[in-house]
Protein backbone atom coordinates (compact mmCIF):
# COMPACT_ATOMS: atom_id res chain seq x y z
CA MET A 1 1.26 7.22 0.79
CA ALA A 2 0.16 5.91 4.15
CA LYS A 3 -2.14 2.81 2.76
CA THR A 4 1.12 2.85 0.74
CA LEU A 5 3.13 1.58 3.52
CA GLY A 6 0.57 -0.13 5.82
CA VAL A 7 1.01 2.46 8.59
CA ASN A 8 -2.13 4.56 9.99
CA GLN A 9 -2.82 8.64 8.34
CA THR A 10 -2.36 9.70 12.14
CA THR A 11 1.59 8.33 11.91
CA VAL A 12 2.24 10.38 7.98
CA SER A 13 1.37 13.15 10.00
CA GLN A 14 3.97 12.65 13.23
CA TRP A 15 6.45 12.34 10.66
CA LEU A 16 5.34 15.40 8.36
CA ALA A 17 4.53 17.02 11.63
CA GLY A 18 8.29 15.66 13.35
CA LYS A 19 6.84 14.33 16.22
CA LYS A 20 7.74 11.09 14.73
CA LYS A 21 10.45 8.88 12.55
CA PRO A 22 10.44 6.38 10.14
CA GLY A 23 11.55 3.45 11.07
CA TYR A 24 13.68 2.02 9.36
CA ASP A 25 11.12 -0.64 6.55
CA SER A 26 8.54 2.43 6.57
CA ILE A 27 11.82 4.52 5.07
CA LYS A 28 13.08 1.41 2.60
CA LEU A 29 9.39 1.63 1.07
CA ILE A 30 9.44 5.06 0.69
CA TYR A 31 12.62 5.57 -1.96
CA GLU A 32 11.69 1.83 -3.45
CA LYS A 33 7.99 3.59 -4.01
CA LEU A 34 9.38 7.28 -5.08
CA GLY A 35 11.51 5.10 -7.09
CA VAL A 36 14.80 7.64 -5.20
CA THR A 37 17.51 6.51 -3.60
CA PRO A 38 18.27 7.35 -0.63
CA ASN A 39 20.74 9.86 -0.71
CA VAL A 40 17.77 11.53 -2.92
CA LEU A 41 15.53 11.24 0.40
CA PHE A 42 17.65 12.40 2.93
CA GLY A 43 19.52 15.64 -0.01
CA ILE A 44 22.31 14.83 0.74
CA ASP A 45 24.87 15.47 -2.27
CA GLU A 46 26.48 12.16 -3.83
């Protein structure tokens, strides 16, 4: 995930641990690379 997003593994670990939040550009890349909508990524029911 880190390599795909162009960030280091420490950053991804901090996101997963809730110590940091990804920025808009990283969030956009995550849902594009995973092939999901932002709502799915954030657990929002449509």
